[in-house]
Protein backbone atom coordinates (compact mmCIF):
# COMPACT_ATOMS: atom_id res chain seq x y z
CA MET A 1 120.00 157.01 109.38
CA GLN A 2 122.34 158.00 106.55
CA LYS A 3 121.60 158.09 102.85
CA PHE A 4 123.65 157.03 99.84
CA ARG A 5 122.28 158.08 96.45
CA GLY A 6 118.78 158.22 97.91
CA VAL A 7 119.05 154.82 99.64
CA PHE A 8 118.72 154.73 103.43
CA LEU A 9 121.65 153.08 105.20
CA LYS A 10 120.72 151.41 108.49
CA ASN A 11 122.95 151.34 111.55
CA ASP A 12 123.56 148.26 113.70
CA ASN A 13 120.69 149.06 116.06
CA GLU A 14 118.22 149.53 113.22
CA ILE A 15 119.32 146.28 111.59
CA ALA A 16 118.88 144.51 114.94
CA ILE A 17 115.27 145.75 115.08
CA MET A 18 114.71 144.59 111.50
CA ARG A 19 116.23 141.21 112.36
CA GLU A 20 113.59 140.79 115.08
CA ALA A 21 110.82 142.08 112.80
CA ASN A 22 111.74 139.45 110.25
CA ARG A 23 112.04 136.73 112.88
CA LEU A 24 108.46 137.40 113.94
CA GLY A 25 107.21 137.70 110.36
CA VAL A 26 108.84 134.45 109.29
CA SER A 27 107.47 132.63 112.33
CA ILE A 28 103.99 133.57 111.12
CA LEU A 29 104.86 132.58 107.56
CA GLU A 30 106.07 129.18 108.79
CA ALA A 31 102.78 128.64 110.61
CA MET A 32 100.83 129.37 107.43
CA CYS A 33 102.96 126.99 105.37
CA ALA A 34 102.40 124.23 107.94
CA GLU A 35 98.64 124.41 107.28
CA VAL A 36 98.88 123.99 103.51
CA LYS A 37 97.03 120.88 102.35
CA PRO A 38 94.19 119.97 99.98
CA GLY A 39 90.77 121.10 101.19
CA VAL A 40 91.91 124.23 103.04
CA ALA A 41 90.29 127.57 102.13
CA THR A 42 92.89 130.28 101.57
CA MET A 43 91.10 132.52 104.09
CA ARG A 44 92.48 130.16 106.75
CA PHE A 45 95.95 131.60 106.16
CA GLU A 46 94.66 135.14 106.69
CA GLU A 47 93.18 134.00 110.00
CA VAL A 48 96.53 132.53 111.07
CA ALA A 49 98.31 135.76 110.11
CA GLN A 50 95.87 138.00 111.98
CA ASP A 51 95.79 135.79 115.08
CA MET A 52 99.58 135.58 115.35
CA CYS A 53 100.07 139.30 114.74
CA ARG A 54 97.78 139.98 117.69
CA SER A 55 99.62 137.40 119.78
CA TYR A 56 103.01 138.94 118.97
CA GLY A 57 101.81 142.53 119.35
CA VAL A 58 102.82 143.50 115.81
CA ARG A 59 100.92 145.07 112.95
CA PRO A 60 100.45 143.38 109.54
CA ALA A 61 102.60 145.30 107.07
CA PHE A 62 100.30 145.00 104.06
CA GLU A 63 96.83 145.59 105.53
CA GLY A 64 95.68 149.04 104.47
CA TYR A 65 98.78 149.66 102.33
CA TYR A 66 97.37 151.70 99.42
CA GLY A 67 94.05 150.19 100.41
CA PHE A 68 95.08 146.51 100.32
CA PRO A 69 92.34 144.81 102.38
CA PHE A 70 94.20 141.86 103.94
CA ALA A 71 97.23 141.08 106.11
CA LEU A 72 98.41 138.49 103.59
CA CYS A 73 98.99 138.26 99.86
CA CYS A 74 97.91 134.70 99.00
CA SER A 75 98.32 133.76 95.33
CA VAL A 76 97.40 130.37 93.87
CA ASN A 77 98.72 128.79 90.64
CA GLU A 78 98.54 131.41 87.86
CA GLN A 79 98.23 134.21 90.41
CA VAL A 80 101.66 135.82 90.57
CA VAL A 81 101.30 138.21 93.50
CA HIS A 82 98.82 140.32 95.50
CA GLY A 83 96.18 137.59 95.55
CA PHE A 84 93.31 137.88 98.03
CA PRO A 85 92.66 135.19 100.65
CA SER A 86 89.18 133.77 100.10
CA ALA A 87 86.67 131.61 101.95
CA THR A 88 85.65 130.07 98.62
CA ARG A 89 89.09 129.36 97.11
CA ILE A 90 89.80 125.82 98.29
CA LEU A 91 93.28 124.38 97.75
CA GLU A 92 93.41 121.24 95.59
CA GLU A 93 96.04 118.55 95.15
CA GLY A 94 98.64 119.77 92.67
CA ASP A 95 98.11 123.49 93.32
CA ILE A 96 100.94 125.77 94.33
CA VAL A 97 100.34 128.68 96.69
CA SER A 98 102.50 131.76 97.27
CA PHE A 99 102.48 133.69 100.54
CA ASP A 100 103.86 137.23 100.68
CA PHE A 101 103.81 138.65 104.19
CA GLY A 102 105.40 141.13 106.56
CA VAL A 103 104.93 142.85 109.90
CA VAL A 104 105.72 146.21 111.46
CA TYR A 105 107.79 145.99 114.63
CA GLU A 106 109.06 149.08 116.47
CA GLY A 107 108.54 151.16 113.34
CA PHE A 108 110.38 148.85 110.93
CA PHE A 109 108.98 146.52 108.26
CA SER A 110 109.72 142.90 107.51
CA ASP A 111 108.97 141.38 104.09
CA SER A 112 109.34 137.82 102.80
CA ALA A 113 107.61 135.37 100.49
CA ARG A 114 107.64 131.72 99.54
CA THR A 115 105.74 129.29 97.34
CA VAL A 116 104.73 125.80 98.49
CA GLY A 117 103.12 122.84 96.80
CA VAL A 118 99.75 121.42 97.83
CA GLY A 119 100.12 117.67 98.20
CA GLU A 120 101.77 116.05 95.18
CA VAL A 121 102.58 118.56 92.46
CA SER A 122 103.81 118.12 88.90
CA ASP A 123 107.47 117.95 87.92
CA GLU A 124 107.03 121.29 86.15
CA ALA A 125 105.70 122.92 89.31
CA ARG A 126 108.56 121.48 91.40
CA LEU A 127 111.09 122.80 88.88
CA LEU A 128 109.45 126.22 88.91
CA MET A 129 109.54 126.48 92.70
CA ARG A 130 113.09 125.15 92.98
CA VAL A 131 114.55 127.44 90.33
CA THR A 132 112.74 130.50 91.66
CA GLU A 133 114.20 129.92 95.12
CA GLU A 134 117.63 129.18 93.66
CA SER A 135 117.45 132.41 91.63
CA LEU A 136 116.74 134.32 94.82
CA MET A 137 119.75 132.79 96.56
CA LYS A 138 122.03 133.49 93.60
CA GLY A 139 120.93 137.13 93.64
CA ILE A 140 121.51 137.37 97.39
CA ALA A 141 125.03 135.95 96.99
CA GLU A 142 125.93 138.97 94.83
CA ALA A 143 124.56 141.52 97.34
CA ARG A 144 127.85 142.54 98.90
CA PRO A 145 129.99 145.67 99.09
CA GLY A 146 132.01 146.19 95.94
CA ASN A 147 129.28 144.83 93.67
CA THR A 148 126.45 146.77 92.09
CA LEU A 149 122.71 146.32 91.87
CA ASN A 150 123.22 145.03 88.33
CA ASP A 151 125.18 142.07 89.71
CA VAL A 152 122.16 141.02 91.78
CA SER A 153 119.76 141.39 88.85
CA ALA A 154 122.09 139.57 86.44
CA ALA A 155 122.54 136.57 88.75
CA ILE A 156 118.77 136.11 89.05
CA GLU A 157 118.21 136.57 85.32
CA GLN A 158 120.94 134.17 84.25
CA HIS A 159 119.70 131.33 86.45
CA ALA A 160 116.08 131.77 85.41
CA ARG A 161 116.93 131.90 81.73
CA ALA A 162 119.21 128.86 82.01
CA HIS A 163 116.11 126.89 83.00
CA LYS A 164 113.92 128.53 80.35
CA LEU A 165 111.58 130.17 82.84
CA ALA A 166 109.91 133.52 82.26
CA ILE A 167 110.87 136.43 84.50
CA ILE A 168 107.91 138.53 85.59
CA ARG A 169 109.07 142.03 84.69
CA ARG A 170 106.21 144.13 86.06
CA PHE A 171 107.16 143.61 89.72
CA VAL A 172 110.56 144.17 91.29
CA GLY A 173 112.34 144.00 94.62
CA HIS A 174 113.01 147.07 96.70
CA GLY A 175 114.66 148.60 99.71
CA VAL A 176 112.87 148.13 103.01
CA GLY A 177 113.09 149.79 106.42
CA ARG A 178 110.86 152.35 108.05
CA SER A 179 108.76 152.10 104.88
CA LEU A 180 107.67 148.91 103.16
CA HIS A 181 109.01 150.12 99.83
CA GLU A 182 112.14 152.24 99.80
CA LYS A 183 114.75 152.92 97.15
CA PRO A 184 116.29 151.22 95.24
CA GLU A 185 114.11 149.18 92.91
CA ILE A 186 115.66 145.75 92.25
CA PRO A 187 114.65 144.22 88.89
CA ASN A 188 115.01 140.48 88.45
CA PHE A 189 116.68 141.15 85.10
CA VAL A 190 119.17 143.71 83.84
CA PRO A 191 117.04 146.43 82.21
CA ALA A 192 118.04 148.24 79.03
CA VAL A 193 118.69 151.32 81.16
CA SER A 194 120.52 149.52 83.94
CA ASN A 195 121.32 150.70 87.44
CA PRO A 196 125.01 150.26 88.37
CA LEU A 197 124.29 151.47 91.92
CA PRO A 198 127.22 150.48 94.16
CA LEU A 199 126.12 148.30 97.06
CA LYS A 200 127.06 149.62 100.50
CA ALA A 201 127.07 148.14 103.99
CA GLY A 202 123.89 149.25 105.78
CA MET A 203 121.58 148.76 102.82
CA VAL A 204 118.58 146.53 103.58
CA LEU A 205 116.96 145.03 100.49
CA ALA A 206 113.93 142.85 99.79
CA ILE A 207 114.95 140.70 96.83
CA GLU A 208 112.04 138.83 95.24
CA PRO A 209 112.16 136.95 91.95
CA MET A 210 108.84 135.90 90.41
CA LEU A 211 109.12 133.34 87.65
CA ALA A 212 106.55 131.63 85.44
CA LEU A 213 106.28 128.53 83.26
CA GLY A 214 104.95 130.46 80.26
CA THR A 215 104.85 134.15 79.46
CA HIS A 216 106.19 136.99 81.58
CA GLU A 217 103.10 139.05 80.77
CA VAL A 218 100.45 139.58 83.44
CA ASN A 219 96.91 140.86 83.75
CA ILE A 220 95.40 142.54 86.80
CA LEU A 221 92.03 141.16 87.88
CA ALA A 222 88.91 143.20 88.58
CA ASP A 223 89.85 143.51 92.27
CA ASN A 224 92.61 145.89 91.05
CA TRP A 225 95.27 143.91 92.93
CA THR A 226 95.62 140.26 91.91
CA ALA A 227 98.18 139.78 89.13
CA VAL A 228 97.82 136.64 87.00
CA THR A 229 99.90 135.24 84.18
CA LYS A 230 98.38 136.16 80.84
CA ASP A 231 98.51 132.55 79.62
CA GLY A 232 97.20 131.02 82.86
CA LYS A 233 100.37 129.05 83.58
CA TYR A 234 101.83 128.66 87.07
CA ALA A 235 104.03 131.32 88.68
CA ALA A 236 106.22 131.16 91.79
CA HIS A 237 107.51 133.85 94.17
CA PHE A 238 110.31 133.76 96.75
CA GLU A 239 111.59 136.73 98.76
CA HIS A 240 114.07 137.47 101.54
CA SER A 241 114.91 140.69 103.31
CA ILE A 242 118.69 141.00 103.59
CA ALA A 243 121.12 143.39 105.22
CA ILE A 244 124.37 144.14 103.40
CA THR A 245 127.24 143.95 105.90
CA PRO A 246 130.98 144.52 105.39
CA GLN A 247 131.32 140.72 105.28
CA GLY A 248 128.50 140.21 102.76
CA PRO A 249 124.74 139.61 102.81
CA GLU A 250 122.90 138.62 105.98
CA ILE A 251 119.49 137.05 105.36
CA LEU A 252 117.17 138.54 107.97
CA SER A 253 114.14 136.44 107.01
CA LEU A 254 115.43 132.90 107.45
CA PRO A 255 113.35 130.70 109.76
CA ASP A 256 114.97 130.04 113.13
CA LYS A 257 115.89 126.47 112.23
CA ALA A 258 117.84 127.70 109.18
CA ALA A 259 119.52 130.70 110.81
């Protein structure tokens, strides 16, 4: 594995392993999304994740990571990221729920996230989810050789701001590979001290915009993990792991039917 400015470059064999890791991870994510409906306790999604990891013979990527106690980050409504599944948190009509999940397969990590509505949701919530996913795809489109990391960040920021949504600044995307979090960090905005890192074939990046209806500011709950919007308004989170190839970005974490 080579390095470029501190960023690990993966070879074709390593990317093939990561492609399979993400295929398995997204299959589990799809199964969780299929169970979203009013009346379901969020612990149900943890059970699905654990059961399918055992079935596939893979390890949950997040469980035990810096002490995180679950396989799944499950965040509802104002919870931005790192939410805990719970037997007492019951989904209600109009909620939105974000799943952030990955697995470890043959020593490599997958990482992806999505937000789904529970039953009928408000127009505001639909807009939030749609624009967050669109922002992700616009960032991915810029992740190609010849561009820089700033191009990815700027594409996400411009689309979010065009729809007057707040960009959560505390959490950023990242490289991914043999570790869950590798260099480089990938802000969803162009910071004052920007990073014009040239993008190279062989980079594998987890790009993950998190947008909110109100403020970008967050608080961390007493569990020391769950991040919530400071004003209590809804937030959404979408993430794909991508490989940069000579031809452009390859999304590793698309579901089979979209591949």
